[in-house]
């Protein structure tokens, strides 16, 4: 039986909310120390998608923080970035 690839894979982020995504930050699980945005200065308007490549040295399980243009932030704990062909469908969190 082949061993599962334990490196993070590029993944797709789909903005299905009404606000623009202005940041997508990564932290090791439970650390709460989010790095620079994985999308840089790119903004992801509603209805658009973007392929994102995790930084080298990232583990499989990570906490993600999504920043929206309206000032809100959403955290998604324990996202498994080692799943192949991963798609994150994001909507704006409730006020």
C-alpha atoms as a PDB file:
ATOM      1  CA  UNK A   1       0.000   0.000   0.000  1.00  0.00           C
ATOM      2  CA  UNK A   2       1.405   3.411  -0.941  1.00  0.00           C
ATOM      3  CA  UNK A   3       2.053   5.894   1.834  1.00  0.00           C
ATOM      4  CA  UNK A   4      -0.094   9.027   1.669  1.00  0.00           C
ATOM      5  CA  UNK A   5       1.722  12.179   0.590  1.00  0.00           C
ATOM      6  CA  UNK A   6       2.061  14.265   3.753  1.00  0.00           C
ATOM      7  CA  UNK A   7       2.916  17.589   2.127  1.00  0.00           C
ATOM      8  CA  UNK A   8       0.410  20.416   1.752  1.00  0.00           C
ATOM      9  CA  UNK A   9      -1.064  20.690  -1.733  1.00  0.00           C
ATOM     10  CA  UNK A  10      -2.128  23.827  -3.578  1.00  0.00           C
ATOM     11  CA  UNK A  11      -5.837  24.433  -3.029  1.00  0.00           C
ATOM     12  CA  UNK A  12      -8.593  26.559  -4.502  1.00  0.00           C
ATOM     13  CA  UNK A  13     -10.391  29.334  -2.622  1.00  0.00           C
ATOM     14  CA  UNK A  14     -13.848  30.217  -3.932  1.00  0.00           C
ATOM     15  CA  UNK A  15     -15.473  33.423  -2.718  1.00  0.00           C
ATOM     16  CA  UNK A  16     -19.189  32.690  -2.507  1.00  0.00           C
ATOM     17  CA  UNK A  17     -19.955  35.612  -0.202  1.00  0.00           C
ATOM     18  CA  UNK A  18     -21.121  39.160  -0.931  1.00  0.00           C
ATOM     19  CA  UNK A  19     -17.860  40.821   0.265  1.00  0.00           C
ATOM     20  CA  UNK A  20     -14.341  40.762  -1.187  1.00  0.00           C
ATOM     21  CA  UNK A  21     -11.696  38.588   0.461  1.00  0.00           C
ATOM     22  CA  UNK A  22      -8.646  40.761   1.204  1.00  0.00           C
ATOM     23  CA  UNK A  23      -6.534  38.302   3.193  1.00  0.00           C
ATOM     24  CA  UNK A  24      -6.008  34.590   3.720  1.00  0.00           C
ATOM     25  CA  UNK A  25      -3.600  33.827   6.562  1.00  0.00           C
ATOM     26  CA  UNK A  26      -2.165  30.557   7.842  1.00  0.00           C
ATOM     27  CA  UNK A  27      -1.072  29.410  11.318  1.00  0.00           C
ATOM     28  CA  UNK A  28       0.047  26.049  12.656  1.00  0.00           C
ATOM     29  CA  UNK A  29      -2.847  24.450  14.529  1.00  0.00           C
ATOM     30  CA  UNK A  30      -3.454  26.114  17.890  1.00  0.00           C
ATOM     31  CA  UNK A  31      -0.554  28.581  17.585  1.00  0.00           C
ATOM     32  CA  UNK A  32      -2.625  31.687  16.767  1.00  0.00           C
ATOM     33  CA  UNK A  33       0.353  33.307  15.037  1.00  0.00           C
ATOM     34  CA  UNK A  34      -0.916  34.014  11.551  1.00  0.00           C
ATOM     35  CA  UNK A  35       1.612  34.903   8.874  1.00  0.00           C
ATOM     36  CA  UNK A  36       1.377  37.171   5.881  1.00  0.00           C
ATOM     37  CA  UNK A  37      -1.585  36.750   3.576  1.00  0.00           C
ATOM     38  CA  UNK A  38      -1.230  33.805   1.196  1.00  0.00           C
ATOM     39  CA  UNK A  39      -2.863  35.917  -1.523  1.00  0.00           C
ATOM     40  CA  UNK A  40      -0.533  38.888  -1.027  1.00  0.00           C
ATOM     41  CA  UNK A  41      -2.130  42.134  -2.109  1.00  0.00           C
ATOM     42  CA  UNK A  42      -4.584  40.379  -4.385  1.00  0.00           C
ATOM     43  CA  UNK A  43      -8.264  40.829  -3.597  1.00  0.00           C
ATOM     44  CA  UNK A  44     -10.764  38.094  -4.367  1.00  0.00           C
ATOM     45  CA  UNK A  45     -14.125  39.599  -5.359  1.00  0.00           C
ATOM     46  CA  UNK A  46     -17.407  37.704  -4.900  1.00  0.00           C
ATOM     47  CA  UNK A  47     -17.930  34.935  -7.435  1.00  0.00           C
ATOM     48  CA  UNK A  48     -14.208  34.500  -8.152  1.00  0.00           C
ATOM     49  CA  UNK A  49     -11.742  31.732  -7.313  1.00  0.00           C
ATOM     50  CA  UNK A  50      -7.987  31.606  -6.814  1.00  0.00           C
ATOM     51  CA  UNK A  51      -5.422  28.802  -6.535  1.00  0.00           C
ATOM     52  CA  UNK A  52      -3.277  29.140  -3.397  1.00  0.00           C
ATOM     53  CA  UNK A  53      -0.002  27.367  -2.647  1.00  0.00           C
ATOM     54  CA  UNK A  54       0.849  26.870   1.050  1.00  0.00           C
ATOM     55  CA  UNK A  55       4.361  27.999   2.053  1.00  0.00           C
ATOM     56  CA  UNK A  56       7.072  25.342   2.073  1.00  0.00           C
ATOM     57  CA  UNK A  57       7.522  23.832   5.503  1.00  0.00           C
ATOM     58  CA  UNK A  58       3.795  24.016   6.319  1.00  0.00           C
ATOM     59  CA  UNK A  59       2.293  20.981   7.980  1.00  0.00           C
ATOM     60  CA  UNK A  60      -0.945  19.301   6.950  1.00  0.00           C
ATOM     61  CA  UNK A  61      -3.212  20.725   9.650  1.00  0.00           C
ATOM     62  CA  UNK A  62      -3.425  24.500   9.813  1.00  0.00           C
ATOM     63  CA  UNK A  63      -5.727  27.179  11.132  1.00  0.00           C
ATOM     64  CA  UNK A  64      -6.857  29.639   8.459  1.00  0.00           C
ATOM     65  CA  UNK A  65      -8.021  33.212   8.956  1.00  0.00           C
ATOM     66  CA  UNK A  66     -10.011  34.865   6.193  1.00  0.00           C
ATOM     67  CA  UNK A  67     -10.198  38.670   6.154  1.00  0.00           C
ATOM     68  CA  UNK A  68     -13.104  40.360   4.401  1.00  0.00           C
ATOM     69  CA  UNK A  69     -13.251  43.871   2.914  1.00  0.00           C
ATOM     70  CA  UNK A  70     -16.025  44.819   5.366  1.00  0.00           C
ATOM     71  CA  UNK A  71     -13.604  44.352   8.285  1.00  0.00           C
ATOM     72  CA  UNK A  72     -14.802  40.960   9.459  1.00  0.00           C
ATOM     73  CA  UNK A  73     -12.515  37.984   9.954  1.00  0.00           C
ATOM     74  CA  UNK A  74     -13.380  34.303  10.005  1.00  0.00           C
ATOM     75  CA  UNK A  75     -11.182  31.571  11.447  1.00  0.00           C
ATOM     76  CA  UNK A  76     -11.349  28.003  10.211  1.00  0.00           C
ATOM     77  CA  UNK A  77      -9.469  25.687  12.589  1.00  0.00           C
ATOM     78  CA  UNK A  78      -7.727  22.460  11.630  1.00  0.00           C
ATOM     79  CA  UNK A  79      -7.958  22.645   7.839  1.00  0.00           C
ATOM     80  CA  UNK A  80      -6.182  19.656   6.280  1.00  0.00           C
ATOM     81  CA  UNK A  81      -4.096  21.087   3.445  1.00  0.00           C
ATOM     82  CA  UNK A  82      -2.686  17.672   2.514  1.00  0.00           C
ATOM     83  CA  UNK A  83      -5.982  16.677   0.899  1.00  0.00           C
ATOM     84  CA  UNK A  84      -5.528  16.659  -2.859  1.00  0.00           C
ATOM     85  CA  UNK A  85      -7.804  18.903  -4.923  1.00  0.00           C
ATOM     86  CA  UNK A  86      -9.081  20.765  -1.874  1.00  0.00           C
ATOM     87  CA  UNK A  87     -11.638  23.532  -2.494  1.00  0.00           C
ATOM     88  CA  UNK A  88     -12.548  26.049   0.216  1.00  0.00           C
ATOM     89  CA  UNK A  89     -15.919  27.652  -0.441  1.00  0.00           C
ATOM     90  CA  UNK A  90     -16.081  30.813   1.651  1.00  0.00           C
ATOM     91  CA  UNK A  91     -19.061  32.994   2.510  1.00  0.00           C
ATOM     92  CA  UNK A  92     -19.097  36.096   4.662  1.00  0.00           C
ATOM     93  CA  UNK A  93     -19.692  35.238   8.337  1.00  0.00           C
ATOM     94  CA  UNK A  94     -22.818  36.528  10.028  1.00  0.00           C
ATOM     95  CA  UNK A  95     -22.528  39.879  11.849  1.00  0.00           C
END
